[in-house]
């Protein structure tokens, strides 16, 4: 079982996302981070999650515990809550990636 922690961050004129993969013993397998265009924090969180899911698929990680720090993110992804139409395609890509992975969510 792999654990994935994802996060997004937004400042005054900057935004970014990232995540870290750990094995069942807590050892770091890999980490990722990247800048984003100016956006709100939910989009930054969603982008961090999407990148992590893409890496899961690329590396063959199929049993993954995903930990995020925003409960609303879980509700948006699992319950089809759409806060803004701009997230429609991003959520579609996230859900498509999740369909190829046995994953569970929790908040940190």
Protein backbone atom coordinates (compact mmCIF):
# COMPACT_ATOMS: atom_id res chain seq x y z
CA UNK A 1 0.00 0.00 0.00
CA UNK A 2 1.29 3.43 -1.00
CA UNK A 3 0.44 6.66 0.82
CA UNK A 4 0.13 9.88 -1.15
CA UNK A 5 -0.04 13.27 0.57
CA UNK A 6 -1.02 16.14 -1.72
CA UNK A 7 -1.23 19.86 -1.17
CA UNK A 8 -1.85 23.15 -2.91
CA UNK A 9 -0.85 26.63 -1.86
CA UNK A 10 -1.78 30.12 -2.97
CA UNK A 11 -0.05 33.36 -2.06
CA UNK A 12 -0.55 36.97 -3.12
CA UNK A 13 0.83 36.50 -6.60
CA UNK A 14 2.02 32.88 -6.58
CA UNK A 15 0.51 29.41 -6.45
CA UNK A 16 1.89 25.91 -6.34
CA UNK A 17 1.11 22.26 -5.77
CA UNK A 18 2.94 19.16 -4.72
CA UNK A 19 2.87 15.82 -3.06
CA UNK A 20 4.87 13.01 -1.55
CA UNK A 21 4.66 9.22 -1.92
CA UNK A 22 5.60 6.91 0.96
CA UNK A 23 5.67 3.15 1.27
CA UNK A 24 3.95 1.19 4.07
CA UNK A 25 6.99 1.73 6.29
CA UNK A 26 6.89 5.51 5.86
CA UNK A 27 9.93 5.68 3.60
CA UNK A 28 9.80 8.36 0.93
CA UNK A 29 9.48 6.91 -2.57
CA UNK A 30 9.30 10.21 -4.43
CA UNK A 31 8.03 13.76 -4.21
CA UNK A 32 6.83 16.29 -6.75
CA UNK A 33 6.10 20.01 -6.78
CA UNK A 34 5.40 22.66 -9.33
CA UNK A 35 4.25 26.21 -9.86
CA UNK A 36 0.74 27.12 -10.99
CA UNK A 37 -0.75 30.13 -12.65
CA UNK A 38 -2.63 32.39 -10.28
CA UNK A 39 -5.67 30.47 -9.01
CA UNK A 40 -7.72 29.81 -5.89
CA UNK A 41 -6.69 27.29 -3.25
CA UNK A 42 -9.23 24.64 -4.28
CA UNK A 43 -7.86 24.58 -7.81
CA UNK A 44 -4.30 24.37 -6.44
CA UNK A 45 -5.35 21.42 -4.24
CA UNK A 46 -7.08 19.73 -7.19
CA UNK A 47 -4.00 20.20 -9.39
CA UNK A 48 -1.78 18.63 -6.71
CA UNK A 49 -4.14 15.67 -6.51
CA UNK A 50 -4.32 15.26 -10.29
CA UNK A 51 -0.54 15.26 -10.64
CA UNK A 52 -0.26 12.65 -7.89
CA UNK A 53 -2.86 10.43 -9.54
CA UNK A 54 -1.08 10.75 -12.88
CA UNK A 55 2.14 9.58 -11.22
CA UNK A 56 0.29 6.65 -9.63
CA UNK A 57 -0.85 5.52 -13.06
CA UNK A 58 2.60 6.03 -14.62
CA UNK A 59 4.37 4.06 -11.88
CA UNK A 60 1.75 1.35 -11.47
CA UNK A 61 0.72 2.32 -7.93
CA UNK A 62 -2.76 0.80 -7.76
CA UNK A 63 -3.42 0.58 -4.00
CA UNK A 64 -3.11 4.10 -2.67
CA UNK A 65 -4.20 5.89 0.50
CA UNK A 66 -4.56 9.57 -0.36
CA UNK A 67 -4.30 12.18 2.36
CA UNK A 68 -5.30 15.80 1.78
CA UNK A 69 -5.65 18.71 4.19
CA UNK A 70 -8.96 20.09 2.90
CA UNK A 71 -12.13 18.09 3.62
CA UNK A 72 -13.95 20.05 0.92
CA UNK A 73 -11.57 18.56 -1.65
CA UNK A 74 -12.72 15.04 -0.76
CA UNK A 75 -16.36 16.13 -0.94
CA UNK A 76 -15.83 17.73 -4.33
CA UNK A 77 -14.10 14.68 -5.80
CA UNK A 78 -16.26 11.95 -4.26
CA UNK A 79 -19.66 13.62 -4.24
CA UNK A 80 -19.59 15.46 -7.54
CA UNK A 81 -19.91 18.85 -5.86
CA UNK A 82 -19.17 21.44 -8.51
CA UNK A 83 -18.23 24.80 -7.05
CA UNK A 84 -17.37 26.46 -10.32
CA UNK A 85 -17.68 25.35 -13.93
CA UNK A 86 -13.94 25.91 -14.44
CA UNK A 87 -13.30 22.72 -12.43
CA UNK A 88 -15.49 20.50 -14.63
CA UNK A 89 -12.77 19.11 -16.90
CA UNK A 90 -10.18 18.94 -14.13
CA UNK A 91 -12.59 16.89 -11.98
CA UNK A 92 -13.39 14.68 -14.94
CA UNK A 93 -9.67 13.94 -15.40
CA UNK A 94 -9.24 13.27 -11.67
CA UNK A 95 -12.17 10.86 -11.59
CA UNK A 96 -10.92 9.11 -14.71
CA UNK A 97 -7.49 8.62 -13.12
CA UNK A 98 -9.13 7.37 -9.91
CA UNK A 99 -11.04 4.73 -11.87
CA UNK A 100 -7.73 2.97 -12.56
CA UNK A 101 -6.58 3.02 -8.93
CA UNK A 102 -7.87 1.40 -5.75
CA UNK A 103 -7.74 4.51 -3.56
CA UNK A 104 -9.18 5.88 -0.37
CA UNK A 105 -9.20 9.43 1.00
CA UNK A 106 -8.67 10.95 4.41
CA UNK A 107 -7.80 14.36 5.77
CA UNK A 108 -4.66 15.17 7.71
